[in-house]
Amino acid sequence: MDAGQVSSEAMLRDGDTVYVPRASVIFVYGQVRRPGSYPINQDTTVRQALSLAGGLTDFGAGNRVRIVRTVEGKEQQIRVKLQDRVEPGDTVVVPERFF
């Protein structure tokens, strides 16, 4: 059996240690109903991230959403479309719309 794989018949014994990997998370803030951190999978889109955060408020500018991403130690701001994928550690920012 490969490391990290467990048989369905595995039994835990006294002194065993079980490691559970930390979930990949993103952060969503700005004009969303529930700003915060959310677990994601590798195929999560910006639209899905906004949905996790309860959707936009009445003041949210859905056409100007951006991601703050750290690349090679430098913070970058990236304009995104709703179908773009997010990456672990991204911060999705929803600005206030103009009236």
N, C-alpha and C. Protein backbone atom coordinates (compact mmCIF):
# COMPACT_ATOMS: atom_id res chain seq x y z
N MET A 1 0.85 -1.17 0.00
CA MET A 1 0.00 0.00 0.00
C MET A 1 0.90 1.24 0.00
N ASP A 2 0.53 2.27 -0.79
CA ASP A 2 1.31 3.51 -0.86
C ASP A 2 1.13 4.34 0.39
N ALA A 3 2.16 5.15 0.69
CA ALA A 3 2.07 6.06 1.83
C ALA A 3 0.90 7.01 1.63
N GLY A 4 0.14 7.22 2.68
CA GLY A 4 -1.00 8.13 2.59
C GLY A 4 -2.30 7.45 2.23
N GLN A 5 -2.23 6.20 1.79
CA GLN A 5 -3.44 5.46 1.46
C GLN A 5 -3.79 4.54 2.63
N VAL A 6 -5.07 4.40 2.87
CA VAL A 6 -5.51 3.61 4.01
C VAL A 6 -6.51 2.58 3.52
N SER A 7 -6.34 1.38 3.97
CA SER A 7 -7.29 0.32 3.66
C SER A 7 -8.59 0.60 4.41
N SER A 8 -9.70 0.16 3.86
CA SER A 8 -10.99 0.34 4.54
C SER A 8 -11.05 -0.49 5.82
N GLU A 9 -10.10 -1.41 5.99
CA GLU A 9 -10.07 -2.25 7.17
C GLU A 9 -9.02 -1.78 8.18
N ALA A 10 -8.47 -0.60 7.99
CA ALA A 10 -7.43 -0.10 8.90
C ALA A 10 -8.00 0.12 10.29
N MET A 11 -7.22 -0.24 11.27
CA MET A 11 -7.61 -0.05 12.66
C MET A 11 -6.61 0.89 13.32
N LEU A 12 -7.11 1.84 14.05
CA LEU A 12 -6.23 2.72 14.82
C LEU A 12 -5.86 2.02 16.12
N ARG A 13 -4.62 2.25 16.52
CA ARG A 13 -4.14 1.65 17.77
C ARG A 13 -3.69 2.78 18.69
N ASP A 14 -3.60 2.47 19.95
CA ASP A 14 -3.12 3.43 20.93
C ASP A 14 -1.75 3.94 20.51
N GLY A 15 -1.58 5.25 20.47
CA GLY A 15 -0.31 5.84 20.09
C GLY A 15 -0.22 6.21 18.62
N ASP A 16 -1.20 5.76 17.78
CA ASP A 16 -1.20 6.15 16.37
C ASP A 16 -1.44 7.65 16.23
N THR A 17 -0.89 8.21 15.19
CA THR A 17 -1.11 9.62 14.88
C THR A 17 -1.76 9.72 13.51
N VAL A 18 -2.84 10.47 13.43
CA VAL A 18 -3.55 10.65 12.16
C VAL A 18 -3.29 12.09 11.70
N TYR A 19 -2.79 12.22 10.48
CA TYR A 19 -2.54 13.54 9.91
C TYR A 19 -3.64 13.87 8.91
N VAL A 20 -4.23 15.03 9.08
CA VAL A 20 -5.26 15.50 8.16
C VAL A 20 -4.73 16.79 7.55
N PRO A 21 -4.54 16.81 6.22
CA PRO A 21 -3.99 18.02 5.61
C PRO A 21 -4.94 19.20 5.76
N ARG A 22 -4.34 20.36 5.90
CA ARG A 22 -5.12 21.58 6.04
C ARG A 22 -5.79 21.89 4.70
N ALA A 23 -7.03 22.34 4.75
CA ALA A 23 -7.76 22.68 3.52
C ALA A 23 -7.17 23.95 2.91
N SER A 24 -7.17 24.01 1.59
CA SER A 24 -6.76 25.23 0.89
C SER A 24 -7.86 26.27 1.10
N VAL A 25 -7.46 27.50 1.41
CA VAL A 25 -8.45 28.54 1.66
C VAL A 25 -8.18 29.78 0.81
N ILE A 26 -9.25 30.54 0.63
CA ILE A 26 -9.17 31.87 0.03
C ILE A 26 -9.85 32.83 0.99
N PHE A 27 -9.69 34.10 0.73
CA PHE A 27 -10.32 35.13 1.53
C PHE A 27 -11.19 35.98 0.60
N VAL A 28 -12.36 36.35 1.06
CA VAL A 28 -13.26 37.17 0.27
C VAL A 28 -13.67 38.35 1.13
N TYR A 29 -13.47 39.57 0.61
CA TYR A 29 -13.93 40.73 1.38
C TYR A 29 -14.35 41.85 0.46
N GLY A 30 -14.89 42.87 1.09
CA GLY A 30 -15.45 43.98 0.34
C GLY A 30 -16.96 43.89 0.39
N GLN A 31 -17.58 44.20 -0.72
CA GLN A 31 -19.04 44.27 -0.77
C GLN A 31 -19.68 42.90 -1.03
N VAL A 32 -19.48 41.98 -0.04
CA VAL A 32 -20.14 40.68 -0.05
C VAL A 32 -20.88 40.53 1.27
N ARG A 33 -21.84 39.64 1.30
CA ARG A 33 -22.70 39.50 2.49
C ARG A 33 -21.98 38.88 3.69
N ARG A 34 -21.05 37.94 3.45
CA ARG A 34 -20.33 37.29 4.55
C ARG A 34 -18.84 37.24 4.25
N PRO A 35 -18.13 38.36 4.44
CA PRO A 35 -16.69 38.34 4.19
C PRO A 35 -16.02 37.33 5.14
N GLY A 36 -14.93 36.73 4.67
CA GLY A 36 -14.21 35.80 5.52
C GLY A 36 -13.33 34.88 4.72
N SER A 37 -12.86 33.82 5.37
CA SER A 37 -12.03 32.81 4.69
C SER A 37 -12.91 31.60 4.40
N TYR A 38 -12.63 30.98 3.25
CA TYR A 38 -13.43 29.85 2.80
C TYR A 38 -12.55 28.77 2.21
N PRO A 39 -12.86 27.49 2.52
CA PRO A 39 -12.10 26.39 1.91
C PRO A 39 -12.49 26.26 0.44
N ILE A 40 -11.52 25.88 -0.37
CA ILE A 40 -11.78 25.72 -1.81
C ILE A 40 -11.20 24.41 -2.30
N ASN A 41 -11.61 24.01 -3.50
CA ASN A 41 -10.95 22.91 -4.18
C ASN A 41 -10.22 23.49 -5.39
N GLN A 42 -9.55 22.66 -6.16
CA GLN A 42 -8.71 23.16 -7.24
C GLN A 42 -9.48 23.77 -8.39
N ASP A 43 -10.78 23.54 -8.48
CA ASP A 43 -11.56 24.04 -9.60
C ASP A 43 -12.49 25.19 -9.22
N THR A 44 -12.32 25.79 -8.06
CA THR A 44 -13.21 26.86 -7.62
C THR A 44 -13.02 28.11 -8.47
N THR A 45 -14.13 28.67 -8.93
CA THR A 45 -14.10 29.89 -9.73
C THR A 45 -14.38 31.10 -8.85
N VAL A 46 -14.15 32.28 -9.41
CA VAL A 46 -14.46 33.53 -8.71
C VAL A 46 -15.95 33.56 -8.38
N ARG A 47 -16.79 33.17 -9.33
CA ARG A 47 -18.25 33.15 -9.10
C ARG A 47 -18.59 32.27 -7.90
N GLN A 48 -17.98 31.08 -7.82
CA GLN A 48 -18.25 30.18 -6.71
C GLN A 48 -17.74 30.76 -5.40
N ALA A 49 -16.59 31.43 -5.43
CA ALA A 49 -16.05 32.07 -4.23
C ALA A 49 -17.01 33.14 -3.72
N LEU A 50 -17.56 33.92 -4.63
CA LEU A 50 -18.52 34.96 -4.23
C LEU A 50 -19.79 34.33 -3.66
N SER A 51 -20.19 33.22 -4.21
CA SER A 51 -21.35 32.51 -3.70
C SER A 51 -21.11 32.00 -2.28
N LEU A 52 -19.90 31.47 -2.03
CA LEU A 52 -19.55 31.02 -0.68
C LEU A 52 -19.69 32.16 0.33
N ALA A 53 -19.39 33.37 -0.13
CA ALA A 53 -19.44 34.55 0.74
C ALA A 53 -20.83 35.19 0.75
N GLY A 54 -21.84 34.47 0.28
CA GLY A 54 -23.21 34.95 0.35
C GLY A 54 -23.63 35.85 -0.79
N GLY A 55 -22.76 36.03 -1.78
CA GLY A 55 -23.09 36.89 -2.91
C GLY A 55 -22.77 38.35 -2.64
N LEU A 56 -22.97 39.16 -3.65
CA LEU A 56 -22.69 40.59 -3.54
C LEU A 56 -23.76 41.29 -2.72
N THR A 57 -23.37 42.37 -2.06
CA THR A 57 -24.36 43.23 -1.43
C THR A 57 -24.99 44.09 -2.53
N ASP A 58 -25.96 44.90 -2.18
CA ASP A 58 -26.59 45.80 -3.15
C ASP A 58 -25.59 46.82 -3.69
N PHE A 59 -24.48 46.99 -2.99
CA PHE A 59 -23.48 47.99 -3.39
C PHE A 59 -22.27 47.38 -4.11
N GLY A 60 -22.25 46.07 -4.28
CA GLY A 60 -21.11 45.39 -4.88
C GLY A 60 -20.99 45.60 -6.38
N ALA A 61 -19.77 45.87 -6.83
CA ALA A 61 -19.48 46.06 -8.26
C ALA A 61 -18.95 44.74 -8.83
N GLY A 62 -19.85 43.89 -9.29
CA GLY A 62 -19.47 42.58 -9.81
C GLY A 62 -18.60 42.64 -11.05
N ASN A 63 -18.62 43.76 -11.75
CA ASN A 63 -17.81 43.90 -12.97
C ASN A 63 -16.40 44.41 -12.70
N ARG A 64 -16.07 44.67 -11.43
CA ARG A 64 -14.72 45.17 -11.11
C ARG A 64 -14.04 44.32 -10.03
N VAL A 65 -14.44 43.06 -9.92
CA VAL A 65 -13.84 42.16 -8.93
C VAL A 65 -12.37 41.96 -9.29
N ARG A 66 -11.53 41.90 -8.27
CA ARG A 66 -10.11 41.64 -8.49
C ARG A 66 -9.61 40.64 -7.44
N ILE A 67 -8.48 40.07 -7.75
CA ILE A 67 -7.82 39.14 -6.82
C ILE A 67 -6.49 39.74 -6.42
N VAL A 68 -6.19 39.66 -5.14
CA VAL A 68 -4.86 40.01 -4.65
C VAL A 68 -4.15 38.67 -4.45
N ARG A 69 -3.02 38.49 -5.15
CA ARG A 69 -2.29 37.22 -5.15
C ARG A 69 -0.81 37.50 -4.94
N THR A 70 -0.15 36.71 -4.12
CA THR A 70 1.28 36.83 -3.91
C THR A 70 2.00 35.90 -4.88
N VAL A 71 2.84 36.49 -5.73
CA VAL A 71 3.61 35.73 -6.72
C VAL A 71 5.08 36.06 -6.51
N GLU A 72 5.87 35.03 -6.23
CA GLU A 72 7.31 35.18 -5.96
C GLU A 72 7.57 36.27 -4.91
N GLY A 73 6.78 36.24 -3.85
CA GLY A 73 6.96 37.17 -2.75
C GLY A 73 6.43 38.57 -2.97
N LYS A 74 5.83 38.83 -4.11
CA LYS A 74 5.29 40.16 -4.40
C LYS A 74 3.78 40.09 -4.57
N GLU A 75 3.11 41.05 -3.96
CA GLU A 75 1.66 41.11 -4.05
C GLU A 75 1.24 41.73 -5.38
N GLN A 76 0.32 41.05 -6.07
CA GLN A 76 -0.19 41.54 -7.35
C GLN A 76 -1.70 41.66 -7.27
N GLN A 77 -2.25 42.68 -7.94
CA GLN A 77 -3.69 42.82 -8.05
C GLN A 77 -4.07 42.47 -9.48
N ILE A 78 -5.01 41.54 -9.62
CA ILE A 78 -5.38 41.00 -10.93
C ILE A 78 -6.87 41.21 -11.15
N ARG A 79 -7.22 41.87 -12.25
CA ARG A 79 -8.64 41.97 -12.64
C ARG A 79 -9.07 40.60 -13.13
N VAL A 80 -10.24 40.16 -12.71
CA VAL A 80 -10.68 38.82 -13.07
C VAL A 80 -12.10 38.83 -13.61
N LYS A 81 -12.44 37.74 -14.27
CA LYS A 81 -13.80 37.49 -14.72
C LYS A 81 -14.39 36.43 -13.78
N LEU A 82 -15.70 36.35 -13.75
CA LEU A 82 -16.34 35.43 -12.82
C LEU A 82 -16.00 33.97 -13.07
N GLN A 83 -15.65 33.61 -14.30
CA GLN A 83 -15.33 32.22 -14.61
C GLN A 83 -13.85 31.87 -14.35
N ASP A 84 -13.02 32.86 -14.00
CA ASP A 84 -11.62 32.60 -13.70
C ASP A 84 -11.50 31.78 -12.42
N ARG A 85 -10.44 30.99 -12.33
CA ARG A 85 -10.21 30.16 -11.16
C ARG A 85 -9.43 30.93 -10.09
N VAL A 86 -9.74 30.62 -8.83
CA VAL A 86 -8.98 31.18 -7.72
C VAL A 86 -7.91 30.18 -7.33
N GLU A 87 -6.88 30.66 -6.64
CA GLU A 87 -5.80 29.80 -6.15
C GLU A 87 -5.74 29.90 -4.64
N PRO A 88 -5.24 28.85 -3.98
CA PRO A 88 -5.12 28.91 -2.52
C PRO A 88 -4.35 30.16 -2.09
N GLY A 89 -4.87 30.83 -1.07
CA GLY A 89 -4.23 32.04 -0.56
C GLY A 89 -4.69 33.32 -1.22
N ASP A 90 -5.45 33.23 -2.31
CA ASP A 90 -5.96 34.42 -2.98
C ASP A 90 -6.90 35.20 -2.07
N THR A 91 -6.95 36.50 -2.28
CA THR A 91 -7.95 37.35 -1.65
C THR A 91 -8.81 37.94 -2.75
N VAL A 92 -10.09 37.61 -2.74
CA VAL A 92 -11.04 38.14 -3.72
C VAL A 92 -11.61 39.43 -3.15
N VAL A 93 -11.49 40.52 -3.91
CA VAL A 93 -11.92 41.84 -3.44
C VAL A 93 -13.06 42.32 -4.31
N VAL A 94 -14.16 42.69 -3.66
CA VAL A 94 -15.32 43.23 -4.37
C VAL A 94 -15.47 44.70 -3.97
N PRO A 95 -15.18 45.63 -4.89
CA PRO A 95 -15.29 47.04 -4.55
C PRO A 95 -16.74 47.52 -4.57
N GLU A 96 -16.95 48.70 -4.04
CA GLU A 96 -18.27 49.32 -4.07
C GLU A 96 -18.53 49.89 -5.45
N ARG A 97 -19.75 49.74 -5.92
CA ARG A 97 -20.08 50.24 -7.25
C ARG A 97 -20.34 51.73 -7.21
N PHE A 98 -20.18 52.35 -8.37
CA PHE A 98 -20.48 53.77 -8.51
C PHE A 98 -21.96 53.94 -8.77
N PHE A 99 -22.53 55.01 -8.28
CA PHE A 99 -23.96 55.26 -8.52
C PHE A 99 -24.16 56.38 -9.46
